[in-house]
Amino acid sequence: MPTHIGRVATVAAASAALLLGTTTQAAAATSFAPAYTLATGWTCAGQVDGTAIPGPSDYSAPGEAAVYLRGTFWSATPGSHESGCTVTATVEWRNLDTGASGASALVVAGGPAGQTGRAVGVVLPTGPGRIEASVRTTPLAHLPGSAQFTVDPL
C-alpha cells in the first residue's frame, strides 16, 4: 500500500507542476513550440503544447525523458461547447549523439471553447545525449511543434 500511495503522490505532484508551470527541477524542463492542428469533433482546431522533463528527474530515470502534452481547441460549430475535441499526437524523437530514435502516440483532448485539457504523458527511452523531438498530428493538417533538450546519463 505505501508504494501505491508514493506513486499517486508523484503523479499528483507532476500534475500540479504542469498546472502551475513549475517542476521540482524547473531548470531541466523544456517547453515545445506549440503544434497547431485540426482536431476531431465539432470542426475543431487549436494547439498542442508540450513539456519535456529530461532524466534523471522525479518523472523519469537517467537516460529517459518524460513528455507531457495538453490540448487547447476551438470550434466554429454552434453548441459544440458541450463536447470536447481530440487529436492523436505523436512525439517523434532522435538522439543527436547516438542516432537512436523512436515515436510514441498519445490522445490529447481539450474543450471546444478554448479550454485546455488535462495533461497526458509518456516516458521516452531516449538514452543519454542531446535530443531533438517534435509533436505531429498526422494525418490531420498541422504545423509541428519541436524542442531540443539534453538527457543526462546519471
Protein backbone atom coordinates (compact mmCIF):
# COMPACT_ATOMS: atom_id res chain seq x y z
CA MET A 1 0.00 0.00 0.00
CA PRO A 2 2.75 2.60 0.77
CA THR A 3 4.22 2.06 -2.75
CA HIS A 4 0.83 2.85 -4.32
CA ILE A 5 0.50 5.98 -2.20
CA GLY A 6 4.00 7.08 -3.24
CA ARG A 7 3.17 6.66 -6.94
CA VAL A 8 -0.11 8.54 -6.53
CA ALA A 9 1.77 11.36 -4.77
CA THR A 10 4.34 11.50 -7.59
CA VAL A 11 1.61 11.67 -10.26
CA ALA A 12 -0.23 14.34 -8.24
CA ALA A 13 2.98 16.36 -7.91
CA ALA A 14 3.64 16.09 -11.65
CA SER A 15 0.08 17.22 -12.45
CA ALA A 16 0.35 20.16 -10.04
CA ALA A 17 3.70 21.14 -11.53
CA LEU A 18 2.22 21.17 -15.04
CA LEU A 19 -0.75 23.24 -13.94
CA LEU A 20 1.47 25.73 -12.13
CA GLY A 21 4.16 25.71 -14.81
CA THR A 22 6.89 24.53 -12.43
CA THR A 23 8.64 21.29 -11.58
CA THR A 24 10.94 20.17 -8.81
CA GLN A 25 13.76 20.58 -11.33
CA ALA A 26 12.42 23.62 -13.18
CA ALA A 27 15.75 24.37 -14.89
CA ALA A 28 15.62 20.98 -16.65
CA ALA A 29 12.09 21.36 -18.08
CA THR A 30 11.87 22.40 -21.73
CA SER A 31 8.75 23.67 -23.49
CA PHE A 32 7.93 22.58 -27.02
CA ALA A 33 6.95 25.18 -29.59
CA PRO A 34 3.16 24.66 -29.98
CA ALA A 35 1.90 22.24 -32.63
CA TYR A 36 -1.04 23.90 -34.42
CA THR A 37 -3.58 21.36 -35.67
CA LEU A 38 -7.06 20.44 -36.74
CA ALA A 39 -8.82 18.06 -34.35
CA THR A 40 -11.73 15.65 -34.46
CA GLY A 41 -15.15 16.52 -33.08
CA TRP A 42 -17.20 19.58 -33.96
CA THR A 43 -14.82 21.01 -36.59
CA CYS A 44 -12.11 21.77 -34.05
CA ALA A 45 -8.76 23.47 -34.44
CA GLY A 46 -6.19 24.54 -31.90
CA GLN A 47 -2.82 23.71 -30.45
CA VAL A 48 -0.97 21.02 -28.56
CA ASP A 49 1.55 22.31 -26.03
CA GLY A 50 4.29 20.09 -24.67
CA THR A 51 6.84 19.98 -21.87
CA ALA A 52 9.86 17.68 -21.76
CA ILE A 53 11.40 16.80 -18.41
CA PRO A 54 14.73 15.07 -19.10
CA GLY A 55 16.00 12.47 -16.70
CA PRO A 56 17.11 11.92 -14.19
CA SER A 57 14.21 13.69 -12.50
CA ASP A 58 11.21 12.95 -10.32
CA TYR A 59 9.39 11.95 -13.53
CA SER A 60 11.98 9.89 -15.42
CA ALA A 61 15.11 7.82 -14.84
CA PRO A 62 18.60 8.53 -16.19
CA GLY A 63 18.59 8.04 -19.95
CA GLU A 64 14.86 8.81 -20.25
CA ALA A 65 12.68 11.88 -20.77
CA ALA A 66 9.10 12.42 -19.63
CA VAL A 67 6.97 14.36 -22.11
CA TYR A 68 3.59 15.85 -21.19
CA LEU A 69 1.11 17.20 -23.75
CA ARG A 70 -2.01 19.37 -23.32
CA GLY A 71 -4.52 20.47 -25.95
CA THR A 72 -6.40 23.75 -26.30
CA PHE A 73 -9.04 23.76 -29.05
CA TRP A 74 -11.74 25.99 -30.52
CA SER A 75 -14.75 25.15 -32.67
CA ALA A 76 -16.85 27.20 -35.06
CA THR A 77 -19.80 24.82 -34.67
CA PRO A 78 -22.69 26.27 -32.62
CA GLY A 79 -23.47 24.26 -29.48
CA SER A 80 -20.13 22.45 -29.58
CA HIS A 81 -19.22 23.64 -26.09
CA GLU A 82 -20.91 20.53 -24.71
CA SER A 83 -18.35 18.13 -26.23
CA GLY A 84 -14.60 18.12 -26.47
CA CYS A 85 -12.09 17.95 -29.26
CA THR A 86 -9.41 15.28 -29.57
CA VAL A 87 -6.33 14.57 -31.63
CA THR A 88 -3.77 11.77 -31.68
CA ALA A 89 -0.41 13.47 -31.22
CA THR A 90 2.80 11.61 -31.97
CA VAL A 91 6.01 12.57 -30.19
CA GLU A 92 8.90 11.71 -32.51
CA TRP A 93 12.42 11.91 -31.07
CA ARG A 94 16.01 11.42 -32.20
CA ASN A 95 19.14 11.27 -30.08
CA LEU A 96 21.63 13.51 -31.92
CA ASP A 97 24.60 11.85 -30.18
CA THR A 98 23.76 8.15 -30.67
CA GLY A 99 21.37 8.18 -33.64
CA ALA A 100 18.69 6.31 -31.67
CA SER A 101 15.12 7.34 -32.46
CA GLY A 102 11.53 6.48 -31.68
CA ALA A 103 7.96 7.67 -31.51
CA SER A 104 5.03 7.43 -29.12
CA ALA A 105 1.38 8.39 -29.72
CA LEU A 106 -0.97 9.97 -27.17
CA VAL A 107 -4.61 11.08 -27.37
CA VAL A 108 -4.82 14.76 -26.44
CA ALA A 109 -8.16 16.34 -25.58
CA GLY A 110 -9.46 19.82 -24.84
CA GLY A 111 -12.70 21.75 -24.77
CA PRO A 112 -14.01 23.25 -27.99
CA ALA A 113 -14.38 26.73 -26.48
CA GLY A 114 -10.70 27.33 -25.74
CA GLN A 115 -10.50 25.16 -22.61
CA THR A 116 -7.18 23.42 -22.05
CA GLY A 117 -7.47 19.68 -21.46
CA ARG A 118 -5.65 17.69 -18.82
CA ALA A 119 -2.03 16.71 -19.36
CA VAL A 120 -1.20 13.29 -20.74
CA GLY A 121 2.32 11.93 -20.64
CA VAL A 122 4.77 9.33 -21.79
CA VAL A 123 8.33 8.37 -20.80
CA LEU A 124 10.66 8.14 -23.80
CA PRO A 125 13.68 5.75 -23.71
CA THR A 126 15.99 8.24 -25.44
CA GLY A 127 19.27 7.27 -23.81
CA PRO A 128 21.66 9.98 -22.66
CA GLY A 129 22.53 12.78 -25.06
CA ARG A 130 21.14 15.73 -26.99
CA ILE A 131 17.54 15.02 -28.04
CA GLU A 132 15.58 16.60 -30.87
CA ALA A 133 11.83 15.99 -30.58
CA SER A 134 8.69 17.03 -32.45
CA VAL A 135 4.93 16.75 -31.96
CA ARG A 136 2.87 15.86 -35.05
CA THR A 137 -0.81 15.04 -35.57
CA THR A 138 -0.63 13.16 -38.87
CA PRO A 139 -2.85 12.54 -40.83
CA LEU A 140 -4.59 15.75 -39.76
CA ALA A 141 -3.38 19.05 -41.18
CA HIS A 142 -0.90 20.56 -38.72
CA LEU A 143 2.23 22.61 -38.17
CA PRO A 144 4.51 20.53 -35.92
CA GLY A 145 5.96 21.77 -32.66
CA SER A 146 9.50 20.96 -31.62
CA ALA A 147 12.04 21.11 -28.78
CA GLN A 148 15.64 20.23 -28.05
CA PHE A 149 16.88 19.10 -24.66
CA THR A 150 19.65 17.05 -23.07
CA VAL A 151 19.14 13.81 -21.15
CA ASP A 152 21.85 13.05 -18.58
CA PRO A 153 23.27 9.55 -18.05
CA LEU A 154 23.31 9.83 -14.23
